N, C-alpha and C. Protein backbone atom coordinates (compact mmCIF):
# COMPACT_ATOMS: atom_id res chain seq x y z
N MET A 1 0.85 -1.17 0.00
CA MET A 1 0.00 0.00 0.00
C MET A 1 0.90 1.23 0.00
N PRO A 2 0.60 2.23 -0.82
CA PRO A 2 1.42 3.45 -0.83
C PRO A 2 1.47 4.11 0.55
N GLU A 3 2.65 4.65 0.88
CA GLU A 3 2.86 5.23 2.22
C GLU A 3 1.81 6.27 2.58
N ARG A 4 1.43 7.11 1.62
CA ARG A 4 0.45 8.16 1.88
C ARG A 4 -0.88 7.54 2.32
N LEU A 5 -1.28 6.43 1.67
CA LEU A 5 -2.54 5.78 2.03
C LEU A 5 -2.47 5.11 3.39
N VAL A 6 -1.31 4.55 3.73
CA VAL A 6 -1.16 3.93 5.05
C VAL A 6 -1.42 4.96 6.14
N GLY A 7 -0.81 6.14 6.00
CA GLY A 7 -1.02 7.20 6.99
C GLY A 7 -2.47 7.61 7.08
N GLU A 8 -3.14 7.70 5.94
CA GLU A 8 -4.55 8.08 5.94
C GLU A 8 -5.41 7.00 6.60
N VAL A 9 -5.10 5.75 6.35
CA VAL A 9 -5.86 4.65 6.95
C VAL A 9 -5.65 4.64 8.46
N VAL A 10 -4.40 4.80 8.91
CA VAL A 10 -4.11 4.82 10.35
C VAL A 10 -4.82 5.99 11.02
N ASP A 11 -4.77 7.16 10.41
CA ASP A 11 -5.44 8.34 10.99
C ASP A 11 -6.95 8.15 11.06
N ALA A 12 -7.54 7.61 9.99
CA ALA A 12 -8.99 7.40 9.96
C ALA A 12 -9.40 6.38 11.01
N ALA A 13 -8.63 5.29 11.14
CA ALA A 13 -8.94 4.27 12.13
C ALA A 13 -8.83 4.84 13.54
N ARG A 14 -7.78 5.62 13.78
CA ARG A 14 -7.60 6.23 15.11
C ARG A 14 -8.79 7.11 15.44
N ASN A 15 -9.23 7.92 14.50
CA ASN A 15 -10.36 8.81 14.75
C ASN A 15 -11.64 8.04 15.03
N LEU A 16 -11.89 6.97 14.26
CA LEU A 16 -13.08 6.17 14.49
C LEU A 16 -13.06 5.49 15.86
N ILE A 17 -11.92 4.96 16.23
CA ILE A 17 -11.80 4.28 17.52
C ILE A 17 -12.00 5.27 18.66
N MET A 18 -11.37 6.43 18.58
CA MET A 18 -11.51 7.43 19.65
C MET A 18 -12.95 7.91 19.76
N GLU A 19 -13.62 8.07 18.63
CA GLU A 19 -15.02 8.49 18.64
C GLU A 19 -15.88 7.42 19.31
N ALA A 20 -15.64 6.17 18.97
CA ALA A 20 -16.41 5.07 19.57
C ALA A 20 -16.14 4.97 21.06
N LEU A 21 -14.89 5.14 21.46
CA LEU A 21 -14.54 5.05 22.88
C LEU A 21 -15.19 6.16 23.69
N SER A 22 -15.35 7.33 23.10
CA SER A 22 -15.93 8.44 23.85
C SER A 22 -17.38 8.16 24.23
N ALA A 23 -18.03 7.24 23.51
CA ALA A 23 -19.42 6.90 23.81
C ALA A 23 -19.54 5.82 24.88
N LEU A 24 -18.43 5.23 25.28
CA LEU A 24 -18.46 4.15 26.27
C LEU A 24 -18.58 4.70 27.69
N PRO A 25 -19.04 3.84 28.60
CA PRO A 25 -19.02 4.25 30.02
C PRO A 25 -17.57 4.40 30.47
N THR A 26 -17.38 4.78 31.71
CA THR A 26 -16.02 5.05 32.20
C THR A 26 -15.15 3.81 32.26
N SER A 27 -15.75 2.63 32.21
CA SER A 27 -14.97 1.39 32.16
C SER A 27 -15.69 0.38 31.27
N VAL A 28 -14.92 -0.59 30.81
CA VAL A 28 -15.45 -1.62 29.92
C VAL A 28 -15.21 -2.97 30.59
N ARG A 29 -16.24 -3.77 30.64
CA ARG A 29 -16.15 -5.11 31.24
C ARG A 29 -16.39 -6.13 30.13
N PHE A 30 -15.52 -7.14 30.06
CA PHE A 30 -15.66 -8.14 29.01
C PHE A 30 -15.24 -9.51 29.51
N CYS A 31 -15.77 -10.53 28.86
CA CYS A 31 -15.43 -11.91 29.20
C CYS A 31 -14.04 -12.19 28.65
N CYS A 32 -13.16 -12.72 29.50
CA CYS A 32 -11.79 -12.98 29.07
C CYS A 32 -11.41 -14.45 29.22
N GLY A 33 -12.39 -15.32 29.52
CA GLY A 33 -12.10 -16.75 29.65
C GLY A 33 -13.10 -17.43 30.55
N TRP A 34 -12.76 -18.67 30.93
CA TRP A 34 -13.62 -19.47 31.76
C TRP A 34 -12.79 -20.19 32.81
N ASP A 35 -13.39 -20.43 33.95
CA ASP A 35 -12.69 -21.20 34.98
C ASP A 35 -12.94 -22.69 34.76
N GLY A 36 -12.42 -23.51 35.66
CA GLY A 36 -12.54 -24.96 35.54
C GLY A 36 -13.97 -25.47 35.55
N ASP A 37 -14.89 -24.69 36.13
CA ASP A 37 -16.30 -25.07 36.17
C ASP A 37 -17.10 -24.44 35.03
N LYS A 38 -16.41 -23.89 34.05
CA LYS A 38 -17.01 -23.25 32.86
C LYS A 38 -17.79 -21.99 33.20
N ASN A 39 -17.43 -21.34 34.32
CA ASN A 39 -18.01 -20.03 34.64
C ASN A 39 -17.18 -18.96 33.93
N GLU A 40 -17.86 -17.97 33.40
CA GLU A 40 -17.16 -16.89 32.70
C GLU A 40 -16.29 -16.09 33.67
N LEU A 41 -15.11 -15.71 33.21
CA LEU A 41 -14.22 -14.82 33.95
C LEU A 41 -14.26 -13.47 33.25
N PHE A 42 -14.35 -12.42 34.02
CA PHE A 42 -14.47 -11.10 33.44
C PHE A 42 -13.27 -10.22 33.80
N CYS A 43 -12.98 -9.31 32.93
CA CYS A 43 -11.94 -8.33 33.14
C CYS A 43 -12.58 -6.96 32.95
N GLU A 44 -12.14 -6.00 33.71
CA GLU A 44 -12.66 -4.64 33.58
C GLU A 44 -11.48 -3.70 33.41
N ILE A 45 -11.61 -2.78 32.46
CA ILE A 45 -10.54 -1.83 32.20
C ILE A 45 -11.15 -0.44 32.03
N ALA A 46 -10.46 0.54 32.59
CA ALA A 46 -10.94 1.92 32.50
C ALA A 46 -10.83 2.43 31.06
N ARG A 47 -11.85 3.15 30.62
CA ARG A 47 -11.84 3.73 29.27
C ARG A 47 -10.58 4.56 29.06
N ASP A 48 -10.16 5.32 30.06
CA ASP A 48 -8.98 6.16 29.91
C ASP A 48 -7.72 5.34 29.66
N ALA A 49 -7.65 4.14 30.25
CA ALA A 49 -6.50 3.26 30.02
C ALA A 49 -6.49 2.76 28.58
N ILE A 50 -7.67 2.46 28.05
CA ILE A 50 -7.76 2.02 26.65
C ILE A 50 -7.32 3.15 25.73
N VAL A 51 -7.82 4.35 25.99
CA VAL A 51 -7.47 5.51 25.17
C VAL A 51 -5.96 5.75 25.23
N LYS A 52 -5.38 5.69 26.43
CA LYS A 52 -3.93 5.91 26.58
C LYS A 52 -3.14 4.89 25.78
N ALA A 53 -3.52 3.62 25.87
CA ALA A 53 -2.81 2.57 25.13
C ALA A 53 -2.93 2.77 23.62
N LEU A 54 -4.10 3.16 23.16
CA LEU A 54 -4.28 3.38 21.73
C LEU A 54 -3.49 4.60 21.24
N LEU A 55 -3.43 5.63 22.05
CA LEU A 55 -2.63 6.80 21.68
C LEU A 55 -1.15 6.46 21.63
N GLU A 56 -0.69 5.61 22.55
CA GLU A 56 0.71 5.17 22.53
C GLU A 56 0.99 4.33 21.28
N LEU A 57 0.05 3.46 20.92
CA LEU A 57 0.21 2.66 19.70
C LEU A 57 0.24 3.56 18.48
N ALA A 58 -0.64 4.55 18.43
CA ALA A 58 -0.67 5.47 17.30
C ALA A 58 0.64 6.25 17.20
N ALA A 59 1.19 6.68 18.33
CA ALA A 59 2.46 7.40 18.32
C ALA A 59 3.58 6.49 17.81
N PHE A 60 3.56 5.23 18.22
CA PHE A 60 4.54 4.25 17.74
C PHE A 60 4.44 4.09 16.23
N LEU A 61 3.22 3.96 15.71
CA LEU A 61 3.03 3.82 14.26
C LEU A 61 3.46 5.07 13.51
N ASP A 62 3.17 6.24 14.09
CA ASP A 62 3.61 7.50 13.46
C ASP A 62 5.13 7.56 13.39
N GLU A 63 5.80 7.15 14.46
CA GLU A 63 7.26 7.16 14.49
C GLU A 63 7.83 6.17 13.46
N ALA A 64 7.22 5.00 13.37
CA ALA A 64 7.66 4.01 12.39
C ALA A 64 7.50 4.55 10.97
N LYS A 65 6.41 5.27 10.76
CA LYS A 65 6.17 5.86 9.44
C LYS A 65 7.25 6.88 9.11
N LEU A 66 7.61 7.71 10.08
CA LEU A 66 8.65 8.72 9.86
C LEU A 66 10.00 8.07 9.56
N LEU A 67 10.26 6.96 10.21
CA LEU A 67 11.53 6.24 10.02
C LEU A 67 11.49 5.30 8.81
N LYS A 68 10.31 5.23 8.18
CA LYS A 68 10.09 4.30 7.05
C LYS A 68 10.43 2.87 7.46
N ALA A 69 10.05 2.54 8.69
CA ALA A 69 10.31 1.23 9.25
C ALA A 69 9.09 0.33 9.08
N GLY A 70 9.32 -0.93 8.83
CA GLY A 70 8.23 -1.88 8.78
C GLY A 70 7.76 -2.21 10.19
N VAL A 71 6.50 -2.52 10.33
CA VAL A 71 5.92 -2.86 11.63
C VAL A 71 5.18 -4.18 11.49
N TYR A 72 5.46 -5.10 12.38
CA TYR A 72 4.76 -6.39 12.42
C TYR A 72 4.00 -6.44 13.72
N CYS A 73 2.69 -6.68 13.64
CA CYS A 73 1.87 -6.76 14.84
C CYS A 73 1.15 -8.09 14.87
N GLN A 74 1.01 -8.63 16.07
CA GLN A 74 0.29 -9.88 16.25
C GLN A 74 -0.53 -9.79 17.52
N LEU A 75 -1.77 -10.24 17.45
CA LEU A 75 -2.63 -10.25 18.63
C LEU A 75 -2.64 -11.63 19.24
C-alpha cells in the first residue's frame, strides 16, 4: 500500500476508535475466559487506560512511518 494511504488509513482508524470510545461508560467489562467449572471470567478496564494505550500505539506507528520502518503486529 502506498505510504500516503497507510497514513490516511491509520489516521482514519484512530479517529473512528476514539469516537467510539468516547461513547463508552467510564470502564469496559468483558469476558476474558472461563474457569474450571465453565463459569465466565471477566476483566474490567478503564476507558482512559484504553485511550492511553491506543494513543501510545498510534504514536509508535507514526514514528515508524517517519523512520520508514516496517511494523509487524500480532494479537
